[in-house]
Amino acid sequence: FPPNPFFFFFMIWFALMLLQLSLCSDSVVVRLFQNGEHDVESGVEGVEVTLTASQFTSSPDLLDEYTRTLYTYLAQTLPISKNYVEPGVFLYPAGVVSGAGVNVTASLQSFTLLRRPTQPADSCLYLVPPGLHFVWPFVHDGHNVTVDSSLIFDESVYYGDQVKGTVIGPLQPPQPVILESLSNYPKVFELHHFFSTADADALIDNIESITDEENKLQRSSVGPKTGAARRFSNVRTSENAFDSVSSYAQRLKRRAFALLRFPFYNEDYADGLQVVRYKQGQAYIAHEDYFGADADPDFNFDPATGGSNRFATVFLYLSTPDAGGQTVFPKARSVPSSRPGFAEFGPESVPEEAASLFEEGTWESRMVDTCYNSFSVKPRRGRAILFYSQRGNGAVDPSSNHGGCPVLGDTAKYGANLWVWQSVRHGITPGAEGSVYVKVDAVFVNEFDQPVDLLWQHQVISRAVQPGGTVRMTTYEPHEWNVVPADTVAPYEPHVLASHTVRLADGEEQRIVFGPTGT
């Protein structure tokens, strides 16, 4: 039979379709962003990147090499933004995290998750700079992302069964945790199903049983603690207690670390869980949770230069007062007005009872006006919010300024907050209760014959330190420093070339040499 031209064209078309299907199955298109910076409303929509199956591996032995290559490719596509970068140093990401909070490596499992997203956030990737942590992106007003509940609630799997002698078993929630975007400047999210009303009641009941002088319910103080004395202010009139040891506090602290996607839990990275009580007329004027550089001259509060500061705050509302008691963000650039429940966050009329509580012109009176004319979150028993004190590049965020609005009714407001630091917090000195760190000015020297990365504990602080190169850093006892071959991908432990633990006994100025014979 003579050849049929239609059959010929059909075979060409069929072959092209097979080729297209093959290409589709071996590649995936994702959107790449700076850490935490995704705002559709402001036009920050990332860079489109195509990843192929050849960039991923099923071999555990090759995973580090492939992940390093993948991270380098992504960082070259969208150079990483950090608040401080040493001149001439290529900034290699410490991690790549999806918009659903899942760490992405060059494993075939990661590739499969990218190819088969269960929600839009799965297809967005965020580059985390060295020494910093993942920051949840805003995306747009009312944006929802469902967080893997097993990573938030199953503490026995994520952190181990024993917590200060208390058994913490799995606690699977009836509903998944949902992160809902309220604001980008500052970054504020509502956390749905993060804790229960039973947790709220237990925390309130527990603070009455705290009797030690340091942590019992008493007038709230302000500022970093630089000695035994506590400082007070007439613009913070609430009461507070610190709960660091109860099973409820331990569970909620670990839950907060997991929500923030920290790869580990460390008591030194957080203040105790603070439970606050505001009675009628009590308030806390607008302030920042992070500390200024001059808050304590003996401590480095700058995250971009190896220091530490408050990174994020998780606030839990334990009761519902009759009126007032909002958390107000007076420097917020916008109010979440395009979503259901707008009245929970937006401006409204000032209640009449405010005039009878405060004289006109007092700071409380002015604050009431601010609270009812700005972006604020109303206290509702069982509600939780997350807000950041740092942006994704390590810069502190002045727009995170916030305050506790005056309670106007007879019912007290109870709340609980956890301040999570970017690394070891201010005020910790082993064996000396109430004292603070004495800083050590250290110069780290690389005497290996290859470039190395300098790590403080789990975090990369300086990349590709050349042979003979030096890094100057402020550090403290008992900080642990490690070096690994340049561009090593986590986990770092198997690749550590040398380690050093800082001891104040060696002096306040130290030259720490890493080399083939140790330090």
Protein backbone atom coordinates (compact mmCIF):
# COMPACT_ATOMS: atom_id res chain seq x y z
CA PHE A 1 0.00 0.00 0.00
CA PRO A 2 1.22 3.54 -0.70
CA PRO A 3 2.23 5.45 2.46
CA ASN A 4 -0.58 7.43 4.05
CA PRO A 5 0.58 11.04 4.67
CA PHE A 6 -1.93 11.43 7.51
CA PHE A 7 -0.47 8.38 9.26
CA PHE A 8 3.03 9.85 8.82
CA PHE A 9 2.05 13.18 10.43
CA PHE A 10 0.18 11.34 13.18
CA MET A 11 3.33 9.40 14.11
CA ILE A 12 5.38 12.62 14.24
CA TRP A 13 2.74 14.25 16.44
CA PHE A 14 2.60 11.18 18.70
CA ALA A 15 6.40 11.13 19.08
CA LEU A 16 6.43 14.83 19.99
CA MET A 17 3.73 14.25 22.61
CA LEU A 18 5.74 11.40 24.13
CA LEU A 19 8.84 13.62 24.20
CA GLN A 20 6.90 16.42 25.88
CA LEU A 21 5.48 14.04 28.48
CA SER A 22 8.97 12.71 29.13
CA LEU A 23 10.34 16.22 29.58
CA CYS A 24 7.47 17.14 31.88
CA SER A 25 8.06 14.11 34.06
CA ASP A 26 11.78 14.89 34.34
CA SER A 27 11.49 18.59 35.20
CA VAL A 28 9.58 20.94 37.44
CA VAL A 29 9.14 24.72 37.46
CA VAL A 30 9.44 26.47 40.84
CA ARG A 31 9.56 30.07 41.97
CA LEU A 32 12.66 31.18 43.87
CA PHE A 33 12.66 33.91 46.55
CA GLN A 34 14.87 35.59 49.10
CA ASN A 35 14.28 34.30 52.61
CA GLY A 36 10.77 35.33 53.69
CA GLU A 37 10.37 37.91 50.91
CA HIS A 38 7.24 37.08 48.92
CA ASP A 39 4.59 39.76 48.54
CA VAL A 40 2.28 39.56 45.54
CA GLU A 41 0.62 42.86 46.44
CA SER A 42 3.97 44.69 46.22
CA GLY A 43 5.14 42.87 43.09
CA VAL A 44 7.69 40.63 44.85
CA GLU A 45 6.94 37.40 42.98
CA GLY A 46 10.35 35.74 42.75
CA VAL A 47 12.22 34.21 39.83
CA GLU A 48 10.99 31.24 37.80
CA VAL A 49 13.46 28.34 37.78
CA THR A 50 13.30 24.96 36.05
CA LEU A 51 14.78 22.02 37.94
CA THR A 52 15.44 18.66 36.31
CA ALA A 53 15.63 15.14 37.72
CA SER A 54 19.33 15.02 36.85
CA GLN A 55 19.98 17.60 39.61
CA PHE A 56 18.71 15.16 42.25
CA THR A 57 19.99 11.79 43.43
CA SER A 58 18.77 8.66 45.20
CA SER A 59 22.26 7.86 46.52
CA PRO A 60 22.93 8.79 50.18
CA ASP A 61 26.65 8.86 49.38
CA LEU A 62 26.15 11.53 46.70
CA LEU A 63 23.49 13.60 48.47
CA ASP A 64 25.92 16.16 49.96
CA GLU A 65 27.63 16.75 46.62
CA TYR A 66 24.35 17.06 44.71
CA THR A 67 22.80 19.35 47.32
CA ARG A 68 25.86 21.62 47.28
CA THR A 69 25.62 21.83 43.47
CA LEU A 70 21.87 22.49 43.62
CA TYR A 71 22.24 25.25 46.25
CA THR A 72 25.05 26.88 44.26
CA TYR A 73 22.89 26.85 41.13
CA LEU A 74 19.96 28.43 42.97
CA ALA A 75 22.15 31.08 44.64
CA GLN A 76 23.65 32.02 41.26
CA THR A 77 20.17 32.31 39.80
CA LEU A 78 19.03 34.61 42.63
CA PRO A 79 21.98 35.94 44.69
CA ILE A 80 21.25 35.69 48.41
CA SER A 81 20.43 38.87 50.30
CA LYS A 82 22.01 39.26 53.74
CA ASN A 83 22.21 42.32 55.95
CA TYR A 84 26.00 42.01 56.14
CA VAL A 85 28.28 40.25 53.66
CA GLU A 86 32.07 40.14 53.69
CA PRO A 87 33.42 41.74 50.48
CA GLY A 88 34.17 39.28 47.73
CA VAL A 89 32.58 36.29 49.48
CA PHE A 90 30.08 34.23 47.49
CA LEU A 91 27.09 33.77 49.78
CA TYR A 92 26.14 30.11 49.77
CA PRO A 93 22.70 29.29 51.24
CA ALA A 94 22.58 27.52 54.59
CA GLY A 95 19.32 25.98 53.47
CA VAL A 96 16.51 26.01 50.93
CA VAL A 97 13.01 25.77 52.38
CA SER A 98 9.67 25.47 50.62
CA GLY A 99 6.75 27.80 51.30
CA ALA A 100 5.23 24.96 53.32
CA GLY A 101 8.25 24.96 55.64
CA VAL A 102 9.82 21.77 54.27
CA ASN A 103 13.61 21.62 53.95
CA VAL A 104 14.59 20.91 50.34
CA THR A 105 17.73 18.92 49.48
CA ALA A 106 18.87 17.24 46.26
CA SER A 107 17.17 13.97 47.18
CA LEU A 108 14.70 12.36 44.79
CA GLN A 109 12.16 12.58 47.60
CA SER A 110 12.43 16.40 47.48
CA PHE A 111 12.09 16.32 43.69
CA THR A 112 8.94 14.20 43.98
CA LEU A 113 7.43 16.66 46.47
CA LEU A 114 8.18 19.55 44.12
CA ARG A 115 6.61 17.73 41.16
CA ARG A 116 3.47 16.77 43.08
CA PRO A 117 2.61 19.77 45.27
CA THR A 118 -0.33 19.42 47.64
CA GLN A 119 -0.66 23.21 48.00
CA PRO A 120 0.76 26.19 46.04
CA ALA A 121 3.32 26.89 48.79
CA ASP A 122 5.08 23.60 47.95
CA SER A 123 6.29 25.08 44.63
CA CYS A 124 7.93 28.18 46.14
CA LEU A 125 11.52 27.96 47.42
CA TYR A 126 13.28 30.38 49.79
CA LEU A 127 17.06 30.80 50.15
CA VAL A 128 18.15 31.00 53.80
CA PRO A 129 21.46 32.88 54.35
CA PRO A 130 24.20 31.31 56.51
CA GLY A 131 23.87 32.02 60.22
CA LEU A 132 20.16 32.86 59.89
CA HIS A 133 16.85 31.01 60.05
CA PHE A 134 13.92 30.48 57.71
CA VAL A 135 11.27 33.22 57.84
CA TRP A 136 7.70 32.43 56.83
CA PRO A 137 6.69 34.46 53.74
CA PHE A 138 3.69 36.80 53.71
CA VAL A 139 2.63 36.16 50.04
CA HIS A 140 -0.63 38.15 50.30
CA ASP A 141 -3.28 39.29 52.77
CA GLY A 142 -5.18 36.24 54.03
CA HIS A 143 -2.75 33.73 52.49
CA ASN A 144 -3.06 30.33 54.18
CA VAL A 145 -0.47 27.61 54.38
CA THR A 146 -1.07 24.26 56.04
CA VAL A 147 1.90 23.16 58.15
CA ASP A 148 2.75 19.48 58.50
CA SER A 149 1.14 18.74 61.87
CA SER A 150 3.46 15.83 62.64
CA LEU A 151 6.38 18.29 62.71
CA ILE A 152 4.57 20.64 65.10
CA PHE A 153 2.73 18.41 67.53
CA ASP A 154 4.56 15.09 67.73
CA GLU A 155 7.21 16.15 70.22
CA SER A 156 8.26 12.58 71.02
CA VAL A 157 9.39 12.13 67.41
CA TYR A 158 10.82 15.59 66.87
CA TYR A 159 12.64 16.13 70.16
CA GLY A 160 12.74 12.84 72.07
CA ASP A 161 10.56 11.54 74.87
CA GLN A 162 12.21 13.07 77.92
CA VAL A 163 11.93 16.76 78.78
CA LYS A 164 13.37 17.61 82.22
CA GLY A 165 12.12 14.26 83.50
CA THR A 166 8.60 14.75 82.15
CA VAL A 167 7.40 12.34 79.49
CA ILE A 168 6.13 14.24 76.45
CA GLY A 169 4.21 11.86 74.23
CA PRO A 170 2.76 12.38 70.76
CA LEU A 171 -0.07 14.88 70.61
CA GLN A 172 -1.74 14.82 67.23
CA PRO A 173 -4.17 17.72 66.78
CA PRO A 174 -7.72 17.22 65.55
CA GLN A 175 -7.02 19.81 62.83
CA PRO A 176 -3.83 20.85 61.03
CA VAL A 177 -2.02 24.04 61.99
CA ILE A 178 -2.78 26.82 59.51
CA LEU A 179 -0.58 29.89 59.18
CA GLU A 180 -2.64 32.87 57.98
CA SER A 181 -0.92 36.05 56.75
CA LEU A 182 -2.08 39.28 58.39
CA SER A 183 0.75 41.73 57.61
CA ASN A 184 4.11 41.89 55.81
CA TYR A 185 5.49 45.03 57.53
CA PRO A 186 5.67 43.83 60.23
CA LYS A 187 5.41 40.12 59.49
CA VAL A 188 2.38 38.96 61.50
CA PHE A 189 0.56 35.64 61.15
CA GLU A 190 -2.41 34.13 62.92
CA LEU A 191 -1.82 30.52 64.01
CA HIS A 192 -4.99 28.46 63.78
CA HIS A 193 -5.18 25.31 65.97
CA PHE A 194 -1.73 25.93 67.48
CA PHE A 195 -2.87 25.33 71.06
CA SER A 196 -6.08 24.43 72.87
CA THR A 197 -8.29 26.22 75.36
CA ALA A 198 -7.33 23.47 77.83
CA ASP A 199 -3.68 24.56 77.40
CA ALA A 200 -4.78 28.15 78.06
CA ASP A 201 -6.59 27.26 81.28
CA ALA A 202 -3.67 25.14 82.51
CA LEU A 203 -1.16 27.96 81.98
CA ILE A 204 -3.33 30.41 83.93
CA ASP A 205 -3.80 27.93 86.79
CA ASN A 206 -0.09 27.13 86.88
CA ILE A 207 1.21 30.68 87.38
CA GLU A 208 -0.53 30.89 90.75
CA SER A 209 1.64 27.97 91.94
CA ILE A 210 4.97 29.63 91.00
CA THR A 211 6.50 30.90 94.25
CA ASP A 212 10.20 31.54 93.62
CA GLU A 213 11.14 35.23 93.71
CA GLU A 214 12.61 35.30 90.21
CA ASN A 215 9.66 33.81 88.30
CA LYS A 216 6.50 34.35 90.39
CA LEU A 217 3.66 36.63 89.27
CA GLN A 218 4.78 40.21 89.92
CA ARG A 219 5.06 43.61 88.30
CA SER A 220 6.51 43.39 84.79
CA SER A 221 10.01 44.74 84.23
CA VAL A 222 11.63 46.12 81.06
CA GLY A 223 14.95 45.87 79.20
CA PRO A 224 17.67 43.20 79.21
CA LYS A 225 18.72 41.91 82.59
CA THR A 226 22.31 43.00 83.22
CA GLY A 227 22.58 41.94 86.84
CA ALA A 228 20.42 41.03 89.80
CA ALA A 229 18.33 44.22 89.66
CA ARG A 230 15.08 44.42 87.67
CA ARG A 231 14.11 47.67 85.93
CA PHE A 232 10.56 49.03 85.84
CA SER A 233 8.74 51.60 83.74
CA ASN A 234 5.53 53.54 84.33
CA VAL A 235 4.49 52.74 80.74
CA ARG A 236 4.38 49.01 81.46
CA THR A 237 1.81 48.39 84.17
CA SER A 238 1.06 44.69 83.67
CA GLU A 239 2.10 41.72 85.82
CA ASN A 240 3.96 38.66 84.61
CA ALA A 241 5.40 35.32 85.64
CA PHE A 242 7.86 33.01 83.91
CA ASP A 243 7.10 29.32 83.44
CA SER A 244 10.07 27.35 82.16
CA VAL A 245 9.53 23.91 83.64
CA SER A 246 5.87 22.86 83.55
CA SER A 247 4.94 20.23 80.97
CA TYR A 248 2.62 22.75 79.27
CA ALA A 249 5.38 25.35 78.95
CA GLN A 250 7.87 22.78 77.69
CA ARG A 251 5.41 21.46 75.14
CA LEU A 252 4.52 24.92 73.83
CA LYS A 253 8.15 26.04 73.63
CA ARG A 254 9.10 23.03 71.54
CA ARG A 255 6.02 23.52 69.41
CA ALA A 256 7.11 27.12 68.72
CA PHE A 257 10.62 26.02 67.66
CA ALA A 258 9.10 23.44 65.33
CA LEU A 259 6.70 26.00 63.85
CA LEU A 260 9.64 28.33 63.18
CA ARG A 261 11.33 25.37 61.41
CA PHE A 262 14.39 25.35 63.66
CA PRO A 263 16.27 22.07 63.10
CA PHE A 264 16.72 21.62 66.87
CA TYR A 265 15.43 22.78 70.24
CA ASN A 266 17.80 24.62 72.57
CA GLU A 267 16.75 26.19 75.89
CA ASP A 268 19.48 28.80 75.42
CA TYR A 269 17.69 30.14 72.32
CA ALA A 270 14.59 31.29 74.20
CA ASP A 271 13.49 33.16 77.27
CA GLY A 272 11.13 31.29 79.57
CA LEU A 273 7.46 31.23 78.62
CA GLN A 274 6.17 34.54 79.98
CA VAL A 275 2.58 34.56 81.24
CA VAL A 276 1.16 38.08 81.55
CA ARG A 277 -1.90 39.51 83.28
CA TYR A 278 -3.48 42.86 82.47
CA LYS A 279 -6.21 44.08 84.81
CA GLN A 280 -8.54 46.95 84.01
CA GLY A 281 -6.54 50.03 83.01
CA GLN A 282 -3.22 48.19 82.68
CA ALA A 283 -1.22 48.33 79.43
CA TYR A 284 2.23 48.25 77.86
CA ILE A 285 3.23 51.12 75.58
CA ALA A 286 4.39 50.32 72.04
CA HIS A 287 7.93 48.91 71.96
CA GLU A 288 10.20 46.49 70.09
CA ASP A 289 11.01 43.01 71.38
CA TYR A 290 14.54 43.18 69.95
CA PHE A 291 17.29 45.07 71.77
CA GLY A 292 19.30 47.98 70.45
CA ALA A 293 23.05 47.65 69.94
CA ASP A 294 23.75 49.74 73.05
CA ALA A 295 21.44 47.81 75.41
CA ASP A 296 24.48 46.06 76.89
CA PRO A 297 27.98 47.04 75.68
CA ASP A 298 29.30 43.60 76.67
CA PHE A 299 26.97 41.71 74.33
CA ASN A 300 26.74 41.66 70.53
CA PHE A 301 23.07 42.12 69.58
CA ASP A 302 23.73 42.25 65.80
CA PRO A 303 22.76 38.94 64.11
CA ALA A 304 24.53 39.93 60.89
CA THR A 305 27.96 39.97 62.60
CA GLY A 306 27.61 36.78 64.63
CA GLY A 307 25.62 38.30 67.49
CA SER A 308 22.19 37.35 68.73
CA ASN A 309 18.88 39.11 69.23
CA ARG A 310 15.23 38.26 69.53
CA PHE A 311 14.14 36.72 66.25
CA ALA A 312 10.42 36.04 66.62
CA THR A 313 7.60 36.18 69.15
CA VAL A 314 4.78 33.68 69.55
CA PHE A 315 1.91 35.19 71.56
CA LEU A 316 -0.94 33.10 72.97
CA TYR A 317 -4.23 34.65 74.12
CA LEU A 318 -5.40 32.77 77.21
CA SER A 319 -8.60 34.71 77.96
CA THR A 320 -11.16 37.01 76.33
CA PRO A 321 -11.50 40.34 78.17
CA ASP A 322 -14.74 42.32 77.94
CA ALA A 323 -13.11 45.21 76.06
CA GLY A 324 -9.64 46.35 75.06
CA GLY A 325 -6.47 44.33 75.51
CA GLN A 326 -5.57 44.17 71.81
CA THR A 327 -2.03 43.76 70.54
CA VAL A 328 -1.48 46.86 68.41
CA PHE A 329 1.10 47.38 65.65
CA PRO A 330 1.13 51.17 65.15
CA LYS A 331 3.85 51.12 62.45
CA ALA A 332 2.10 48.52 60.26
CA ARG A 333 1.95 49.62 56.63
CA SER A 334 -1.50 48.17 56.05
CA VAL A 335 -4.52 46.62 57.74
CA PRO A 336 -5.84 43.21 56.59
CA SER A 337 -9.08 44.67 55.24
CA SER A 338 -9.71 42.35 52.29
CA ARG A 339 -10.57 39.28 54.33
CA PRO A 340 -13.46 37.93 56.41
CA GLY A 341 -13.31 38.96 60.05
CA PHE A 342 -11.87 42.38 59.23
CA ALA A 343 -13.35 43.80 62.45
CA GLU A 344 -10.97 41.56 64.41
CA PHE A 345 -7.99 43.57 63.13
CA GLY A 346 -9.08 46.95 61.83
CA PRO A 347 -10.04 50.39 63.14
CA GLU A 348 -13.26 50.85 65.10
CA SER A 349 -14.90 53.33 67.45
CA VAL A 350 -13.31 53.87 70.86
CA PRO A 351 -15.55 52.42 73.61
CA GLU A 352 -17.15 55.00 75.88
CA GLU A 353 -15.68 53.45 79.05
CA ALA A 354 -12.18 54.54 77.98
CA ALA A 355 -12.98 58.19 78.78
CA SER A 356 -13.87 57.32 82.39
CA LEU A 357 -10.67 55.34 82.93
CA PHE A 358 -8.01 57.74 81.65
CA GLU A 359 -7.59 61.49 81.71
CA GLU A 360 -7.23 63.10 78.30
CA GLY A 361 -3.60 63.59 77.32
CA THR A 362 -2.18 60.71 79.37
CA TRP A 363 -0.12 58.03 77.62
CA GLU A 364 -2.91 55.52 78.25
CA SER A 365 -5.48 57.82 76.63
CA ARG A 366 -3.27 58.37 73.59
CA MET A 367 -2.63 54.63 73.37
CA VAL A 368 -6.35 53.85 73.35
CA ASP A 369 -6.72 56.13 70.32
CA THR A 370 -3.83 54.33 68.61
CA CYS A 371 -5.26 50.90 69.45
CA TYR A 372 -8.62 51.65 67.87
CA ASN A 373 -7.22 53.35 64.77
CA SER A 374 -4.41 50.96 63.78
CA PHE A 375 -3.82 47.35 62.86
CA SER A 376 -4.42 45.40 66.05
CA VAL A 377 -5.27 41.83 67.05
CA LYS A 378 -8.16 41.33 69.44
CA PRO A 379 -7.61 38.91 72.32
CA ARG A 380 -9.66 35.74 71.95
CA ARG A 381 -9.14 32.71 74.20
CA GLY A 382 -7.30 30.10 72.12
CA ARG A 383 -6.00 32.56 69.50
CA ALA A 384 -2.27 32.67 68.72
CA ILE A 385 -0.12 34.95 66.57
CA LEU A 386 3.47 34.88 65.33
CA PHE A 387 5.39 38.04 64.53
CA TYR A 388 9.03 38.55 63.58
CA SER A 389 11.55 41.02 64.99
CA GLN A 390 13.99 40.28 62.14
CA ARG A 391 13.61 40.19 58.38
CA GLY A 392 14.85 37.26 56.35
CA ASN A 393 18.26 38.90 55.77
CA GLY A 394 19.00 39.31 59.49
CA ALA A 395 18.12 43.01 59.77
CA VAL A 396 15.96 43.98 62.74
CA ASP A 397 12.53 45.26 61.73
CA PRO A 398 11.42 48.60 63.28
CA SER A 399 7.89 48.02 61.98
CA SER A 400 7.57 45.18 64.54
CA ASN A 401 6.92 47.91 67.14
CA HIS A 402 3.85 46.78 69.12
CA GLY A 403 2.03 47.34 72.37
CA GLY A 404 -0.43 45.79 74.81
CA CYS A 405 -3.57 47.93 74.68
CA PRO A 406 -5.30 48.99 77.92
CA VAL A 407 -7.89 46.57 79.23
CA LEU A 408 -11.15 48.52 79.48
CA GLY A 409 -13.53 46.01 81.08
CA ASP A 410 -13.65 44.16 84.39
CA THR A 411 -12.38 40.84 82.98
CA ALA A 412 -8.59 40.55 83.03
CA LYS A 413 -6.55 39.70 79.97
CA TYR A 414 -4.21 36.73 80.30
CA GLY A 415 -1.63 35.97 77.64
CA ALA A 416 1.60 34.05 77.18
CA ASN A 417 4.51 34.84 74.94
CA LEU A 418 7.72 33.15 73.93
CA TRP A 419 10.67 35.15 72.63
CA VAL A 420 12.83 33.00 70.37
CA TRP A 421 16.36 34.26 69.70
CA GLN A 422 18.32 33.78 66.51
CA SER A 423 21.07 32.07 68.57
CA VAL A 424 22.12 31.90 72.25
CA ARG A 425 20.25 34.61 74.13
CA HIS A 426 21.58 37.40 76.28
CA GLY A 427 22.16 36.69 79.96
CA ILE A 428 23.37 33.08 80.03
CA THR A 429 26.57 32.25 81.89
CA PRO A 430 27.19 28.67 83.06
CA GLY A 431 27.29 28.37 86.84
CA ALA A 432 26.60 32.04 87.58
CA GLU A 433 22.92 32.72 88.11
CA GLY A 434 21.92 36.28 87.30
CA SER A 435 25.17 37.16 85.56
CA VAL A 436 25.83 37.81 81.88
CA TYR A 437 28.40 36.79 79.33
CA VAL A 438 31.80 38.47 79.25
CA LYS A 439 32.64 38.89 75.59
CA VAL A 440 35.74 37.45 73.97
CA ASP A 441 37.27 39.18 70.94
CA ALA A 442 38.46 36.26 68.84
CA VAL A 443 40.48 36.02 65.65
CA PHE A 444 40.01 32.66 63.91
CA VAL A 445 42.88 31.54 61.66
CA ASN A 446 42.69 28.86 58.94
CA GLU A 447 45.97 26.89 58.75
CA PHE A 448 44.52 24.07 56.68
CA ASP A 449 45.69 23.84 53.07
CA GLN A 450 42.11 24.19 51.81
CA PRO A 451 39.29 26.74 52.16
CA VAL A 452 37.01 26.10 55.14
CA ASP A 453 33.63 27.25 56.42
CA LEU A 454 33.53 28.54 60.00
CA LEU A 455 30.54 27.31 62.02
CA TRP A 456 29.15 28.43 65.34
CA GLN A 457 27.42 25.27 66.57
CA HIS A 458 25.03 24.37 63.70
CA GLN A 459 25.25 27.69 61.86
CA VAL A 460 27.63 28.76 59.10
CA ILE A 461 29.04 32.15 60.08
CA SER A 462 31.75 32.67 57.45
CA ARG A 463 32.07 30.92 54.09
CA ALA A 464 35.21 29.90 52.20
CA VAL A 465 37.92 31.18 54.57
CA GLN A 466 41.05 30.76 52.47
CA PRO A 467 44.28 29.08 53.73
CA GLY A 468 45.98 31.62 55.97
CA GLY A 469 42.79 33.69 56.11
CA THR A 470 41.34 35.15 59.31
CA VAL A 471 37.89 35.96 60.65
CA ARG A 472 37.34 38.36 63.55
CA MET A 473 34.30 37.63 65.71
CA THR A 474 32.83 38.47 69.10
CA THR A 475 32.11 35.27 71.03
CA TYR A 476 31.45 34.05 74.57
CA GLU A 477 32.15 31.13 76.88
CA PRO A 478 31.23 28.29 76.21
CA HIS A 479 30.55 28.84 72.49
CA GLU A 480 31.64 25.93 70.31
CA TRP A 481 33.24 26.70 66.94
CA ASN A 482 33.89 24.20 64.15
CA VAL A 483 35.45 24.26 60.70
CA VAL A 484 34.40 22.06 57.78
CA PRO A 485 35.57 21.95 54.15
CA ALA A 486 34.18 24.92 52.21
CA ASP A 487 30.67 24.47 50.81
CA THR A 488 29.87 21.45 52.99
CA VAL A 489 26.13 20.82 53.23
CA ALA A 490 24.35 19.94 56.49
CA PRO A 491 24.53 17.69 58.43
CA TYR A 492 27.99 19.03 59.24
CA GLU A 493 29.07 16.68 62.05
CA PRO A 494 30.67 13.97 59.84
CA HIS A 495 32.80 16.60 58.06
CA VAL A 496 34.22 18.59 60.99
CA LEU A 497 37.98 19.15 60.55
CA ALA A 498 38.60 20.80 63.93
CA SER A 499 36.62 22.16 66.90
CA HIS A 500 37.23 24.68 69.65
CA THR A 501 35.26 25.62 72.78
CA VAL A 502 35.78 29.18 73.97
CA ARG A 503 36.98 29.54 77.59
CA LEU A 504 37.15 32.90 79.32
CA ALA A 505 40.18 31.64 81.25
CA ASP A 506 42.16 31.97 77.99
CA GLY A 507 41.62 35.74 78.03
CA GLU A 508 39.22 38.31 76.61
CA GLU A 509 41.30 38.54 73.40
CA GLN A 510 42.09 35.21 71.74
CA ARG A 511 43.75 33.98 68.55
CA ILE A 512 42.19 30.62 67.68
CA VAL A 513 44.10 28.64 65.06
CA PHE A 514 42.45 25.77 63.19
CA GLY A 515 44.89 23.40 61.51
CA PRO A 516 45.78 19.77 60.82
CA THR A 517 46.96 19.31 64.42
CA GLY A 518 43.75 20.73 65.93
CA THR A 519 43.40 24.12 67.67
